[in-house]
Amino acid sequence: ALGFTGPESTLADQLGIQLDNRSNYQTKNYQTNILNIFTAGDMRRGQSLIVWAISEGREAAYQVDTFLMGKSNLPTKGTGDLPIQ
């Protein structure tokens, strides 16, 4: 969680990570446009509450586990959250 400040552009600029129209990191299944780089929480969703950062971290862990292992036994909410705006 970044505390309502939003992600700094330095890392995205250096690595070529695509941003959305709100300057958050664009992702598909928590993975950025750069292979092997995942993001969650405020950097992906935008400024929000800590409970969303926790939820995002858990979902990101599920996606990373699936990416690395081909499957995951970690719990997931699937599409149970409100959509990202």
PDB file of N, CA and C in Angstrom:
ATOM      1  N   ALA A   1       0.852  -1.183   0.000  1.00  0.00           N
ATOM      2  CA  ALA A   1       0.000   0.000   0.000  1.00  0.00           C
ATOM      3  C   ALA A   1       0.888   1.233   0.000  1.00  0.00           C
ATOM      4  N   LEU A   2       0.544   2.181  -0.825  1.00  0.00           N
ATOM      5  CA  LEU A   2       1.365   3.367  -0.990  1.00  0.00           C
ATOM      6  C   LEU A   2       0.859   4.575  -0.222  1.00  0.00           C
ATOM      7  N   GLY A   3      -0.275   4.441   0.437  1.00  0.00           N
ATOM      8  CA  GLY A   3      -0.770   5.549   1.234  1.00  0.00           C
ATOM      9  C   GLY A   3      -1.347   6.687   0.420  1.00  0.00           C
ATOM     10  N   PHE A   4      -2.091   6.387  -0.608  1.00  0.00           N
ATOM     11  CA  PHE A   4      -2.807   7.379  -1.417  1.00  0.00           C
ATOM     12  C   PHE A   4      -1.900   8.302  -2.217  1.00  0.00           C
ATOM     13  N   THR A   5      -0.672   7.896  -2.479  1.00  0.00           N
ATOM     14  CA  THR A   5       0.205   8.745  -3.267  1.00  0.00           C
ATOM     15  C   THR A   5       0.286   8.304  -4.723  1.00  0.00           C
ATOM     16  N   GLY A   6      -0.042   7.079  -5.017  1.00  0.00           N
ATOM     17  CA  GLY A   6       0.074   6.555  -6.379  1.00  0.00           C
ATOM     18  C   GLY A   6       1.499   6.137  -6.676  1.00  0.00           C
ATOM     19  N   PRO A   7       1.677   5.291  -7.665  1.00  0.00           N
ATOM     20  CA  PRO A   7       3.023   4.813  -8.000  1.00  0.00           C
ATOM     21  C   PRO A   7       3.864   5.903  -8.643  1.00  0.00           C
ATOM     22  N   GLU A   8       5.140   5.922  -8.315  1.00  0.00           N
ATOM     23  CA  GLU A   8       6.070   6.820  -8.988  1.00  0.00           C
ATOM     24  C   GLU A   8       6.330   6.250 -10.385  1.00  0.00           C
ATOM     25  N   SER A   9       6.589   7.094 -11.328  1.00  0.00           N
ATOM     26  CA  SER A   9       6.771   6.634 -12.707  1.00  0.00           C
ATOM     27  C   SER A   9       8.187   6.132 -12.995  1.00  0.00           C
ATOM     28  N   THR A  10       9.125   6.345 -12.100  1.00  0.00           N
ATOM     29  CA  THR A  10      10.532   6.014 -12.352  1.00  0.00           C
ATOM     30  C   THR A  10      10.726   4.562 -12.770  1.00  0.00           C
ATOM     31  N   LEU A  11      10.218   3.623 -11.984  1.00  0.00           N
ATOM     32  CA  LEU A  11      10.404   2.208 -12.293  1.00  0.00           C
ATOM     33  C   LEU A  11       9.695   1.831 -13.588  1.00  0.00           C
ATOM     34  N   ALA A  12       8.475   2.301 -13.761  1.00  0.00           N
ATOM     35  CA  ALA A  12       7.732   2.008 -14.990  1.00  0.00           C
ATOM     36  C   ALA A  12       8.477   2.553 -16.201  1.00  0.00           C
ATOM     37  N   ASP A  13       9.010   3.753 -16.091  1.00  0.00           N
ATOM     38  CA  ASP A  13       9.760   4.351 -17.199  1.00  0.00           C
ATOM     39  C   ASP A  13      11.018   3.544 -17.510  1.00  0.00           C
ATOM     40  N   GLN A  14      11.749   3.144 -16.489  1.00  0.00           N
ATOM     41  CA  GLN A  14      13.001   2.406 -16.690  1.00  0.00           C
ATOM     42  C   GLN A  14      12.763   1.033 -17.306  1.00  0.00           C
ATOM     43  N   LEU A  15      11.668   0.371 -16.915  1.00  0.00           N
ATOM     44  CA  LEU A  15      11.411  -0.991 -17.388  1.00  0.00           C
ATOM     45  C   LEU A  15      10.453  -1.058 -18.568  1.00  0.00           C
ATOM     46  N   GLY A  16       9.797   0.052 -18.886  1.00  0.00           N
ATOM     47  CA  GLY A  16       8.843   0.055 -19.989  1.00  0.00           C
ATOM     48  C   GLY A  16       7.497  -0.552 -19.625  1.00  0.00           C
ATOM     49  N   ILE A  17       7.120  -0.446 -18.361  1.00  0.00           N
ATOM     50  CA  ILE A  17       5.834  -0.981 -17.910  1.00  0.00           C
ATOM     51  C   ILE A  17       4.723  -0.041 -18.350  1.00  0.00           C
ATOM     52  N   GLN A  18       3.692  -0.604 -18.961  1.00  0.00           N
ATOM     53  CA  GLN A  18       2.568   0.199 -19.439  1.00  0.00           C
ATOM     54  C   GLN A  18       1.708   0.644 -18.273  1.00  0.00           C
ATOM     55  N   LEU A  19       1.212   1.873 -18.372  1.00  0.00           N
ATOM     56  CA  LEU A  19       0.356   2.457 -17.348  1.00  0.00           C
ATOM     57  C   LEU A  19      -1.062   2.612 -17.897  1.00  0.00           C
ATOM     58  N   ASP A  20      -2.037   2.633 -16.987  1.00  0.00           N
ATOM     59  CA  ASP A  20      -3.411   2.902 -17.410  1.00  0.00           C
ATOM     60  C   ASP A  20      -3.654   4.406 -17.419  1.00  0.00           C
ATOM     61  N   ASN A  21      -4.884   4.809 -17.687  1.00  0.00           N
ATOM     62  CA  ASN A  21      -5.186   6.236 -17.784  1.00  0.00           C
ATOM     63  C   ASN A  21      -5.126   6.959 -16.443  1.00  0.00           C
ATOM     64  N   ARG A  22      -4.992   6.218 -15.335  1.00  0.00           N
ATOM     65  CA  ARG A  22      -4.853   6.821 -14.004  1.00  0.00           C
ATOM     66  C   ARG A  22      -3.426   6.714 -13.473  1.00  0.00           C
ATOM     67  N   SER A  23      -2.485   6.342 -14.331  1.00  0.00           N
ATOM     68  CA  SER A  23      -1.059   6.200 -13.997  1.00  0.00           C
ATOM     69  C   SER A  23      -0.763   5.003 -13.115  1.00  0.00           C
ATOM     70  N   ASN A  24      -1.656   4.028 -13.067  1.00  0.00           N
ATOM     71  CA  ASN A  24      -1.401   2.764 -12.369  1.00  0.00           C
ATOM     72  C   ASN A  24      -0.824   1.762 -13.366  1.00  0.00           C
ATOM     73  N   TYR A  25      -0.165   0.740 -12.855  1.00  0.00           N
ATOM     74  CA  TYR A  25       0.419  -0.276 -13.728  1.00  0.00           C
ATOM     75  C   TYR A  25      -0.694  -1.108 -14.350  1.00  0.00           C
ATOM     76  N   GLN A  26      -0.661  -1.258 -15.677  1.00  0.00           N
ATOM     77  CA  GLN A  26      -1.628  -2.112 -16.361  1.00  0.00           C
ATOM     78  C   GLN A  26      -1.222  -3.560 -16.185  1.00  0.00           C
ATOM     79  N   THR A  27      -2.213  -4.422 -15.937  1.00  0.00           N
ATOM     80  CA  THR A  27      -1.910  -5.836 -15.752  1.00  0.00           C
ATOM     81  C   THR A  27      -2.963  -6.723 -16.398  1.00  0.00           C
ATOM     82  N   LYS A  28      -2.565  -7.951 -16.596  1.00  0.00           N
ATOM     83  CA  LYS A  28      -3.486  -9.033 -16.939  1.00  0.00           C
ATOM     84  C   LYS A  28      -3.121 -10.160 -15.986  1.00  0.00           C
ATOM     85  N   ASN A  29      -4.067 -10.553 -15.151  1.00  0.00           N
ATOM     86  CA  ASN A  29      -3.798 -11.553 -14.109  1.00  0.00           C
ATOM     87  C   ASN A  29      -2.629 -11.125 -13.219  1.00  0.00           C
ATOM     88  N   TYR A  30      -2.588  -9.848 -12.909  1.00  0.00           N
ATOM     89  CA  TYR A  30      -1.588  -9.248 -12.028  1.00  0.00           C
ATOM     90  C   TYR A  30      -0.200  -9.164 -12.646  1.00  0.00           C
ATOM     91  N   GLN A  31      -0.025  -9.581 -13.885  1.00  0.00           N
ATOM     92  CA  GLN A  31       1.265  -9.483 -14.554  1.00  0.00           C
ATOM     93  C   GLN A  31       1.271  -8.259 -15.467  1.00  0.00           C
ATOM     94  N   THR A  32       2.367  -7.509 -15.423  1.00  0.00           N
ATOM     95  CA  THR A  32       2.496  -6.337 -16.283  1.00  0.00           C
ATOM     96  C   THR A  32       2.794  -6.795 -17.711  1.00  0.00           C
ATOM     97  N   ASN A  33       2.985  -5.832 -18.595  1.00  0.00           N
ATOM     98  CA  ASN A  33       3.341  -6.171 -19.974  1.00  0.00           C
ATOM     99  C   ASN A  33       4.761  -6.714 -20.080  1.00  0.00           C
ATOM    100  N   ILE A  34       5.537  -6.641 -19.001  1.00  0.00           N
ATOM    101  CA  ILE A  34       6.895  -7.181 -18.979  1.00  0.00           C
ATOM    102  C   ILE A  34       6.856  -8.562 -18.336  1.00  0.00           C
ATOM    103  N   LEU A  35       7.294  -9.581 -19.062  1.00  0.00           N
ATOM    104  CA  LEU A  35       7.283 -10.956 -18.572  1.00  0.00           C
ATOM    105  C   LEU A  35       7.970 -11.054 -17.218  1.00  0.00           C
ATOM    106  N   ASN A  36       7.363 -11.770 -16.300  1.00  0.00           N
ATOM    107  CA  ASN A  36       7.897 -12.041 -14.961  1.00  0.00           C
ATOM    108  C   ASN A  36       7.781 -10.867 -13.992  1.00  0.00           C
ATOM    109  N   ILE A  37       7.118  -9.793 -14.361  1.00  0.00           N
ATOM    110  CA  ILE A  37       6.921  -8.677 -13.432  1.00  0.00           C
ATOM    111  C   ILE A  37       5.435  -8.572 -13.109  1.00  0.00           C
ATOM    112  N   PHE A  38       5.138  -8.803 -11.842  1.00  0.00           N
ATOM    113  CA  PHE A  38       3.770  -8.760 -11.345  1.00  0.00           C
ATOM    114  C   PHE A  38       3.614  -7.554 -10.422  1.00  0.00           C
ATOM    115  N   THR A  39       2.397  -7.104 -10.255  1.00  0.00           N
ATOM    116  CA  THR A  39       2.128  -5.997  -9.347  1.00  0.00           C
ATOM    117  C   THR A  39       0.746  -6.154  -8.739  1.00  0.00           C
ATOM    118  N   ALA A  40       0.547  -5.514  -7.605  1.00  0.00           N
ATOM    119  CA  ALA A  40      -0.746  -5.605  -6.915  1.00  0.00           C
ATOM    120  C   ALA A  40      -0.932  -4.368  -6.049  1.00  0.00           C
ATOM    121  N   GLY A  41      -2.085  -4.271  -5.450  1.00  0.00           N
ATOM    122  CA  GLY A  41      -2.362  -3.190  -4.510  1.00  0.00           C
ATOM    123  C   GLY A  41      -2.493  -1.852  -5.196  1.00  0.00           C
ATOM    124  N   ASP A  42      -1.986  -0.827  -4.538  1.00  0.00           N
ATOM    125  CA  ASP A  42      -2.122   0.534  -5.040  1.00  0.00           C
ATOM    126  C   ASP A  42      -1.498   0.714  -6.415  1.00  0.00           C
ATOM    127  N   MET A  43      -0.426   0.001  -6.707  1.00  0.00           N
ATOM    128  CA  MET A  43       0.239   0.163  -7.995  1.00  0.00           C
ATOM    129  C   MET A  43      -0.621  -0.364  -9.141  1.00  0.00           C
ATOM    130  N   ARG A  44      -1.471  -1.319  -8.878  1.00  0.00           N
ATOM    131  CA  ARG A  44      -2.332  -1.897  -9.912  1.00  0.00           C
ATOM    132  C   ARG A  44      -3.737  -1.328  -9.847  1.00  0.00           C
ATOM    133  N   ARG A  45      -4.293  -1.247  -8.675  1.00  0.00           N
ATOM    134  CA  ARG A  45      -5.683  -0.877  -8.473  1.00  0.00           C
ATOM    135  C   ARG A  45      -5.878   0.632  -8.338  1.00  0.00           C
ATOM    136  N   GLY A  46      -4.873   1.295  -7.813  1.00  0.00           N
ATOM    137  CA  GLY A  46      -5.002   2.708  -7.496  1.00  0.00           C
ATOM    138  C   GLY A  46      -5.112   2.859  -5.991  1.00  0.00           C
ATOM    139  N   GLN A  47      -5.094   4.076  -5.541  1.00  0.00           N
ATOM    140  CA  GLN A  47      -5.122   4.361  -4.122  1.00  0.00           C
ATOM    141  C   GLN A  47      -6.397   3.804  -3.511  1.00  0.00           C
ATOM    142  N   SER A  48      -6.218   3.070  -2.419  1.00  0.00           N
ATOM    143  CA  SER A  48      -7.356   2.419  -1.789  1.00  0.00           C
ATOM    144  C   SER A  48      -7.020   2.124  -0.333  1.00  0.00           C
ATOM    145  N   LEU A  49      -7.866   1.380   0.298  1.00  0.00           N
ATOM    146  CA  LEU A  49      -7.691   1.013   1.704  1.00  0.00           C
ATOM    147  C   LEU A  49      -6.757  -0.180   1.852  1.00  0.00           C
ATOM    148  N   ILE A  50      -6.186  -0.336   3.027  1.00  0.00           N
ATOM    149  CA  ILE A  50      -5.247  -1.430   3.293  1.00  0.00           C
ATOM    150  C   ILE A  50      -5.900  -2.795   3.086  1.00  0.00           C
ATOM    151  N   VAL A  51      -7.185  -2.921   3.334  1.00  0.00           N
ATOM    152  CA  VAL A  51      -7.838  -4.223   3.122  1.00  0.00           C
ATOM    153  C   VAL A  51      -7.789  -4.618   1.653  1.00  0.00           C
ATOM    154  N   TRP A  52      -7.849  -3.639   0.755  1.00  0.00           N
ATOM    155  CA  TRP A  52      -7.722  -3.951  -0.668  1.00  0.00           C
ATOM    156  C   TRP A  52      -6.287  -4.354  -0.991  1.00  0.00           C
ATOM    157  N   ALA A  53      -5.309  -3.729  -0.356  1.00  0.00           N
ATOM    158  CA  ALA A  53      -3.914  -4.102  -0.586  1.00  0.00           C
ATOM    159  C   ALA A  53      -3.663  -5.540  -0.150  1.00  0.00           C
ATOM    160  N   ILE A  54      -4.225  -5.944   0.961  1.00  0.00           N
ATOM    161  CA  ILE A  54      -4.093  -7.329   1.432  1.00  0.00           C
ATOM    162  C   ILE A  54      -4.736  -8.276   0.442  1.00  0.00           C
ATOM    163  N   SER A  55      -5.945  -7.953   0.020  1.00  0.00           N
ATOM    164  CA  SER A  55      -6.656  -8.781  -0.953  1.00  0.00           C
ATOM    165  C   SER A  55      -5.874  -8.887  -2.261  1.00  0.00           C
ATOM    166  N   GLU A  56      -5.357  -7.747  -2.735  1.00  0.00           N
ATOM    167  CA  GLU A  56      -4.579  -7.742  -3.965  1.00  0.00           C
ATOM    168  C   GLU A  56      -3.319  -8.598  -3.822  1.00  0.00           C
ATOM    169  N   GLY A  57      -2.652  -8.510  -2.677  1.00  0.00           N
ATOM    170  CA  GLY A  57      -1.456  -9.313  -2.443  1.00  0.00           C
ATOM    171  C   GLY A  57      -1.743 -10.798  -2.491  1.00  0.00           C
ATOM    172  N   ARG A  58      -2.850 -11.201  -1.927  1.00  0.00           N
ATOM    173  CA  ARG A  58      -3.228 -12.625  -1.948  1.00  0.00           C
ATOM    174  C   ARG A  58      -3.544 -13.097  -3.360  1.00  0.00           C
ATOM    175  N   GLU A  59      -4.266 -12.267  -4.103  1.00  0.00           N
ATOM    176  CA  GLU A  59      -4.587 -12.634  -5.485  1.00  0.00           C
ATOM    177  C   GLU A  59      -3.328 -12.649  -6.354  1.00  0.00           C
ATOM    178  N   ALA A  60      -2.425 -11.708  -6.118  1.00  0.00           N
ATOM    179  CA  ALA A  60      -1.167 -11.697  -6.863  1.00  0.00           C
ATOM    180  C   ALA A  60      -0.349 -12.947  -6.560  1.00  0.00           C
ATOM    181  N   ALA A  61      -0.322 -13.358  -5.290  1.00  0.00           N
ATOM    182  CA  ALA A  61       0.405 -14.579  -4.915  1.00  0.00           C
ATOM    183  C   ALA A  61      -0.163 -15.792  -5.650  1.00  0.00           C
ATOM    184  N   TYR A  62      -1.484 -15.854  -5.757  1.00  0.00           N
ATOM    185  CA  TYR A  62      -2.130 -16.943  -6.498  1.00  0.00           C
ATOM    186  C   TYR A  62      -1.685 -16.924  -7.962  1.00  0.00           C
ATOM    187  N   GLN A  63      -1.678 -15.752  -8.580  1.00  0.00           N
ATOM    188  CA  GLN A  63      -1.301 -15.641  -9.990  1.00  0.00           C
ATOM    189  C   GLN A  63       0.178 -15.961 -10.212  1.00  0.00           C
ATOM    190  N   VAL A  64       1.052 -15.523  -9.313  1.00  0.00           N
ATOM    191  CA  VAL A  64       2.476 -15.836  -9.430  1.00  0.00           C
ATOM    192  C   VAL A  64       2.694 -17.334  -9.269  1.00  0.00           C
ATOM    193  N   ASP A  65       2.035 -17.948  -8.292  1.00  0.00           N
ATOM    194  CA  ASP A  65       2.145 -19.392  -8.084  1.00  0.00           C
ATOM    195  C   ASP A  65       1.686 -20.156  -9.321  1.00  0.00           C
ATOM    196  N   THR A  66       0.565 -19.746  -9.898  1.00  0.00           N
ATOM    197  CA  THR A  66       0.065 -20.383 -11.114  1.00  0.00           C
ATOM    198  C   THR A  66       1.049 -20.203 -12.268  1.00  0.00           C
ATOM    199  N   PHE A  67       1.615 -18.997 -12.397  1.00  0.00           N
ATOM    200  CA  PHE A  67       2.584 -18.714 -13.446  1.00  0.00           C
ATOM    201  C   PHE A  67       3.821 -19.611 -13.311  1.00  0.00           C
ATOM    202  N   LEU A  68       4.319 -19.747 -12.096  1.00  0.00           N
ATOM    203  CA  LEU A  68       5.550 -20.518 -11.876  1.00  0.00           C
ATOM    204  C   LEU A  68       5.324 -22.032 -11.883  1.00  0.00           C
ATOM    205  N   MET A  69       4.210 -22.465 -11.307  1.00  0.00           N
ATOM    206  CA  MET A  69       3.979 -23.902 -11.113  1.00  0.00           C
ATOM    207  C   MET A  69       2.978 -24.507 -12.113  1.00  0.00           C
ATOM    208  N   GLY A  70       2.266 -23.655 -12.841  1.00  0.00           N
ATOM    209  CA  GLY A  70       1.258 -24.163 -13.765  1.00  0.00           C
ATOM    210  C   GLY A  70      -0.097 -24.365 -13.121  1.00  0.00           C
ATOM    211  N   LYS A  71      -0.159 -24.306 -11.812  1.00  0.00           N
ATOM    212  CA  LYS A  71      -1.399 -24.419 -11.046  1.00  0.00           C
ATOM    213  C   LYS A  71      -1.127 -23.871  -9.654  1.00  0.00           C
ATOM    214  N   SER A  72      -2.183 -23.705  -8.868  1.00  0.00           N
ATOM    215  CA  SER A  72      -1.991 -23.194  -7.515  1.00  0.00           C
ATOM    216  C   SER A  72      -2.998 -23.821  -6.573  1.00  0.00           C
ATOM    217  N   ASN A  73      -2.553 -24.105  -5.366  1.00  0.00           N
ATOM    218  CA  ASN A  73      -3.441 -24.571  -4.302  1.00  0.00           C
ATOM    219  C   ASN A  73      -3.821 -23.438  -3.362  1.00  0.00           C
ATOM    220  N   LEU A  74      -3.351 -22.237  -3.648  1.00  0.00           N
ATOM    221  CA  LEU A  74      -3.684 -21.086  -2.820  1.00  0.00           C
ATOM    222  C   LEU A  74      -5.146 -20.698  -3.035  1.00  0.00           C
ATOM    223  N   PRO A  75      -5.788 -20.150  -2.017  1.00  0.00           N
ATOM    224  CA  PRO A  75      -7.166 -19.706  -2.196  1.00  0.00           C
ATOM    225  C   PRO A  75      -7.229 -18.508  -3.148  1.00  0.00           C
ATOM    226  N   THR A  76      -8.337 -18.396  -3.863  1.00  0.00           N
ATOM    227  CA  THR A  76      -8.560 -17.258  -4.744  1.00  0.00           C
ATOM    228  C   THR A  76     -10.021 -16.856  -4.695  1.00  0.00           C
ATOM    229  N   LYS A  77     -10.261 -15.603  -4.939  1.00  0.00           N
ATOM    230  CA  LYS A  77     -11.629 -15.107  -4.992  1.00  0.00           C
ATOM    231  C   LYS A  77     -12.195 -15.219  -6.392  1.00  0.00           C
ATOM    232  N   GLY A  78     -11.351 -15.529  -7.352  1.00  0.00           N
ATOM    233  CA  GLY A  78     -11.819 -15.564  -8.725  1.00  0.00           C
ATOM    234  C   GLY A  78     -12.268 -14.187  -9.168  1.00  0.00           C
ATOM    235  N   THR A  79     -13.516 -14.042  -9.531  1.00  0.00           N
ATOM    236  CA  THR A  79     -14.038 -12.739  -9.951  1.00  0.00           C
ATOM    237  C   THR A  79     -14.961 -12.158  -8.897  1.00  0.00           C
ATOM    238  N   GLY A  80     -14.698 -12.470  -7.630  1.00  0.00           N
ATOM    239  CA  GLY A  80     -15.590 -12.047  -6.555  1.00  0.00           C
ATOM    240  C   GLY A  80     -15.491 -10.605  -6.115  1.00  0.00           C
ATOM    241  N   ASP A  81     -14.473  -9.864  -6.572  1.00  0.00           N
ATOM    242  CA  ASP A  81     -14.312  -8.466  -6.163  1.00  0.00           C
ATOM    243  C   ASP A  81     -15.094  -7.525  -7.051  1.00  0.00           C
ATOM    244  N   LEU A  82     -15.206  -6.306  -6.588  1.00  0.00           N
ATOM    245  CA  LEU A  82     -15.735  -5.260  -7.448  1.00  0.00           C
ATOM    246  C   LEU A  82     -14.739  -5.005  -8.555  1.00  0.00           C
ATOM    247  N   PRO A  83     -15.197  -4.633  -9.741  1.00  0.00           N
ATOM    248  CA  PRO A  83     -14.260  -4.398 -10.851  1.00  0.00           C
ATOM    249  C   PRO A  83     -13.362  -3.191 -10.600  1.00  0.00           C
ATOM    250  N   ILE A  84     -12.185  -3.234 -11.170  1.00  0.00           N
ATOM    251  CA  ILE A  84     -11.284  -2.087 -11.120  1.00  0.00           C
ATOM    252  C   ILE A  84     -11.851  -1.034 -12.048  1.00  0.00           C
ATOM    253  N   GLN A  85     -11.865   0.205 -11.602  1.00  0.00           N
ATOM    254  CA  GLN A  85     -12.436   1.269 -12.421  1.00  0.00           C
ATOM    255  C   GLN A  85     -11.433   1.825 -13.384  1.00  0.00           C
TER     256      GLN A  85
END
